[in-house]
C-alpha cells in the first residue's frame, strides 16, 4: 500500500529501501536517517512526490512514496 504524502509532510527513507541497498549514488545523496520535506505532489499519481532533503535545500527531487515512512504530518 502506498502512502499518499501531502505538501508539508516530513518523511524518512525506509530502512529496507530498495535504493539504499542497490544504489551507491543514492546512498551518497541521502543518509538513511535524513528527513525529506514534501514540497509538491503529482495529481496524476499517488506514488510519486517532490521533496527536498532537509539541510540541502538546493535541489528538489522526485521520490517514490513506497520507499518512505511518514514522520510528521503537515499541520493544516
N, C-alpha and C. Protein backbone atom coordinates (compact mmCIF):
# COMPACT_ATOMS: atom_id res chain seq x y z
N UNK A 1 0.84 -1.18 0.00
CA UNK A 1 0.00 0.00 0.00
C UNK A 1 0.88 1.24 0.00
N UNK A 2 0.62 2.15 -0.91
CA UNK A 2 1.37 3.39 -0.98
C UNK A 2 0.74 4.44 -0.07
N UNK A 3 1.57 5.16 0.62
CA UNK A 3 1.13 6.27 1.44
C UNK A 3 1.09 7.50 0.55
N UNK A 4 0.02 8.25 0.60
CA UNK A 4 -0.07 9.49 -0.18
C UNK A 4 0.37 10.62 0.74
N UNK A 5 1.49 11.25 0.41
CA UNK A 5 2.01 12.33 1.22
C UNK A 5 1.49 13.67 0.72
N UNK A 6 1.33 14.60 1.66
CA UNK A 6 0.84 15.94 1.33
C UNK A 6 1.97 16.95 1.50
N UNK A 7 1.83 18.08 0.83
CA UNK A 7 2.80 19.16 0.95
C UNK A 7 2.94 19.54 2.42
N UNK A 8 4.18 19.61 2.88
CA UNK A 8 4.47 19.95 4.26
C UNK A 8 4.77 18.76 5.15
N UNK A 9 4.44 17.54 4.69
CA UNK A 9 4.76 16.34 5.47
C UNK A 9 6.28 16.15 5.54
N UNK A 10 6.72 15.61 6.66
CA UNK A 10 8.12 15.19 6.79
C UNK A 10 8.15 13.67 6.71
N UNK A 11 9.02 13.16 5.86
CA UNK A 11 9.13 11.72 5.66
C UNK A 11 10.58 11.28 5.82
N UNK A 12 10.77 9.98 6.06
CA UNK A 12 12.11 9.41 6.20
C UNK A 12 12.17 8.14 5.36
N UNK A 13 13.32 7.95 4.74
CA UNK A 13 13.55 6.76 3.93
C UNK A 13 13.40 5.50 4.77
N UNK A 14 12.71 4.52 4.26
CA UNK A 14 12.56 3.26 4.97
C UNK A 14 13.92 2.58 5.11
N UNK A 15 14.12 1.90 6.22
CA UNK A 15 15.39 1.21 6.48
C UNK A 15 15.67 0.14 5.43
N UNK A 16 14.63 -0.47 4.90
CA UNK A 16 14.80 -1.53 3.90
C UNK A 16 14.57 -1.03 2.48
N UNK A 17 14.74 0.26 2.26
CA UNK A 17 14.52 0.85 0.94
C UNK A 17 15.38 0.17 -0.13
N UNK A 18 14.77 -0.09 -1.24
CA UNK A 18 15.47 -0.67 -2.38
C UNK A 18 16.66 0.20 -2.78
N UNK A 19 16.49 1.50 -2.73
CA UNK A 19 17.54 2.42 -3.18
C UNK A 19 18.79 2.35 -2.31
N UNK A 20 18.60 2.22 -1.02
CA UNK A 20 19.75 2.13 -0.11
C UNK A 20 20.55 0.86 -0.37
N UNK A 21 19.85 -0.20 -0.69
CA UNK A 21 20.50 -1.48 -0.94
C UNK A 21 21.20 -1.53 -2.29
N UNK A 22 20.68 -0.83 -3.29
CA UNK A 22 21.13 -1.04 -4.66
C UNK A 22 21.92 0.09 -5.30
N UNK A 23 21.83 1.28 -4.76
CA UNK A 23 22.42 2.43 -5.47
C UNK A 23 23.44 3.19 -4.62
N UNK A 24 24.70 3.11 -4.99
CA UNK A 24 25.76 3.86 -4.31
C UNK A 24 25.51 5.36 -4.42
N UNK A 25 25.08 5.81 -5.58
CA UNK A 25 24.80 7.23 -5.79
C UNK A 25 23.71 7.71 -4.84
N UNK A 26 22.68 6.91 -4.68
CA UNK A 26 21.58 7.27 -3.78
C UNK A 26 22.06 7.32 -2.34
N UNK A 27 22.88 6.36 -1.93
CA UNK A 27 23.41 6.34 -0.55
C UNK A 27 24.26 7.57 -0.28
N UNK A 28 24.96 8.06 -1.29
CA UNK A 28 25.77 9.26 -1.11
C UNK A 28 24.91 10.51 -1.05
N UNK A 29 23.74 10.48 -1.70
CA UNK A 29 22.87 11.65 -1.75
C UNK A 29 22.07 11.82 -0.45
N UNK A 30 21.59 10.71 0.11
CA UNK A 30 20.72 10.81 1.29
C UNK A 30 21.11 9.76 2.32
N UNK A 31 21.34 10.21 3.52
CA UNK A 31 21.62 9.28 4.62
C UNK A 31 20.32 8.62 5.04
N UNK A 32 20.40 7.44 5.59
CA UNK A 32 19.22 6.70 5.98
C UNK A 32 18.33 7.39 7.00
N UNK A 33 18.91 8.29 7.79
CA UNK A 33 18.11 8.99 8.80
C UNK A 33 17.74 10.41 8.39
N UNK A 34 18.01 10.78 7.16
CA UNK A 34 17.67 12.12 6.67
C UNK A 34 16.17 12.29 6.54
N UNK A 35 15.72 13.49 6.83
CA UNK A 35 14.32 13.83 6.63
C UNK A 35 14.15 14.48 5.27
N UNK A 36 13.00 14.26 4.67
CA UNK A 36 12.65 14.89 3.40
C UNK A 36 11.35 15.65 3.62
N UNK A 37 11.33 16.92 3.20
CA UNK A 37 10.14 17.75 3.27
C UNK A 37 9.40 17.65 1.95
N UNK A 38 8.14 17.24 1.99
CA UNK A 38 7.33 17.13 0.78
C UNK A 38 6.98 18.54 0.31
N UNK A 39 7.35 18.86 -0.93
CA UNK A 39 7.12 20.20 -1.46
C UNK A 39 6.01 20.27 -2.49
N UNK A 40 5.68 19.14 -3.10
CA UNK A 40 4.64 19.12 -4.13
C UNK A 40 4.25 17.67 -4.39
N UNK A 41 3.04 17.50 -4.91
CA UNK A 41 2.58 16.16 -5.27
C UNK A 41 2.23 16.15 -6.74
N UNK A 42 2.05 14.97 -7.26
CA UNK A 42 1.63 14.82 -8.65
C UNK A 42 0.16 14.41 -8.63
N UNK A 43 -0.70 15.24 -9.17
CA UNK A 43 -2.13 14.96 -9.13
C UNK A 43 -2.46 13.67 -9.87
N UNK A 44 -1.69 13.33 -10.87
CA UNK A 44 -1.95 12.15 -11.68
C UNK A 44 -1.48 10.86 -11.01
N UNK A 45 -0.76 10.98 -9.91
CA UNK A 45 -0.14 9.80 -9.32
C UNK A 45 -0.20 9.87 -7.80
N UNK A 46 -0.51 8.73 -7.18
CA UNK A 46 -0.42 8.66 -5.71
C UNK A 46 0.87 7.97 -5.30
N UNK A 47 1.75 7.74 -6.27
CA UNK A 47 3.01 7.05 -6.00
C UNK A 47 4.20 7.99 -5.86
N UNK A 48 4.19 9.12 -6.53
CA UNK A 48 5.35 9.99 -6.56
C UNK A 48 5.06 11.34 -5.93
N UNK A 49 6.12 11.94 -5.38
CA UNK A 49 6.02 13.29 -4.82
C UNK A 49 7.37 13.98 -4.99
N UNK A 50 7.34 15.31 -4.90
CA UNK A 50 8.58 16.09 -4.93
C UNK A 50 8.93 16.47 -3.50
N UNK A 51 10.24 16.47 -3.21
CA UNK A 51 10.66 16.84 -1.88
C UNK A 51 12.12 17.26 -1.84
N UNK A 52 12.43 17.96 -0.76
CA UNK A 52 13.79 18.48 -0.52
C UNK A 52 14.38 17.74 0.68
N UNK A 53 15.61 17.29 0.55
CA UNK A 53 16.32 16.71 1.68
C UNK A 53 16.60 17.83 2.68
N UNK A 54 16.14 17.67 3.91
CA UNK A 54 16.35 18.71 4.91
C UNK A 54 17.85 18.92 5.13
N UNK A 55 18.25 20.18 5.12
CA UNK A 55 19.66 20.52 5.25
C UNK A 55 20.34 20.70 3.91
N UNK A 56 19.64 20.36 2.83
CA UNK A 56 20.18 20.52 1.48
C UNK A 56 19.07 21.05 0.58
N UNK A 57 18.75 22.33 0.73
CA UNK A 57 17.60 22.90 0.03
C UNK A 57 17.93 23.35 -1.40
N UNK A 58 19.04 22.89 -1.93
CA UNK A 58 19.45 23.35 -3.25
C UNK A 58 18.69 22.66 -4.38
N UNK A 59 18.16 21.45 -4.15
CA UNK A 59 17.51 20.71 -5.22
C UNK A 59 16.24 20.04 -4.74
N UNK A 60 15.24 20.08 -5.58
CA UNK A 60 14.01 19.33 -5.34
C UNK A 60 14.12 18.04 -6.14
N UNK A 61 13.80 16.93 -5.51
CA UNK A 61 13.91 15.62 -6.16
C UNK A 61 12.52 14.99 -6.29
N UNK A 62 12.37 14.12 -7.26
CA UNK A 62 11.17 13.32 -7.41
C UNK A 62 11.40 12.01 -6.66
N UNK A 63 10.48 11.66 -5.75
CA UNK A 63 10.63 10.48 -4.91
C UNK A 63 9.46 9.53 -5.12
N UNK A 64 9.68 8.28 -4.78
CA UNK A 64 8.64 7.26 -4.82
C UNK A 64 8.14 7.03 -3.39
N UNK A 65 6.87 7.23 -3.15
CA UNK A 65 6.33 7.19 -1.79
C UNK A 65 6.45 5.83 -1.13
N UNK A 66 6.54 4.75 -1.90
CA UNK A 66 6.64 3.43 -1.29
C UNK A 66 7.99 3.20 -0.61
N UNK A 67 8.93 4.11 -0.78
CA UNK A 67 10.25 3.98 -0.17
C UNK A 67 10.39 4.81 1.11
N UNK A 68 9.29 5.48 1.53
CA UNK A 68 9.33 6.40 2.67
C UNK A 68 8.26 6.10 3.70
N UNK A 69 8.55 6.48 4.95
CA UNK A 69 7.58 6.43 6.04
C UNK A 69 7.29 7.85 6.48
N UNK A 70 6.05 8.10 6.90
CA UNK A 70 5.66 9.40 7.41
C UNK A 70 6.26 9.59 8.81
N UNK A 71 6.91 10.73 9.03
CA UNK A 71 7.47 11.07 10.33
C UNK A 71 6.56 12.07 11.03
N UNK A 72 6.15 13.11 10.30
CA UNK A 72 5.30 14.16 10.86
C UNK A 72 4.36 14.66 9.78
N UNK A 73 3.08 14.59 10.04
CA UNK A 73 2.08 15.08 9.11
C UNK A 73 2.03 16.60 9.16
N UNK A 74 1.81 17.22 8.00
CA UNK A 74 1.72 18.67 7.91
C UNK A 74 0.53 19.17 8.73
N UNK A 75 0.72 20.29 9.39
CA UNK A 75 -0.37 20.92 10.14
C UNK A 75 -1.22 21.70 9.15
N UNK A 76 -2.49 21.43 9.16
CA UNK A 76 -3.40 22.10 8.22
C UNK A 76 -4.13 23.23 8.87
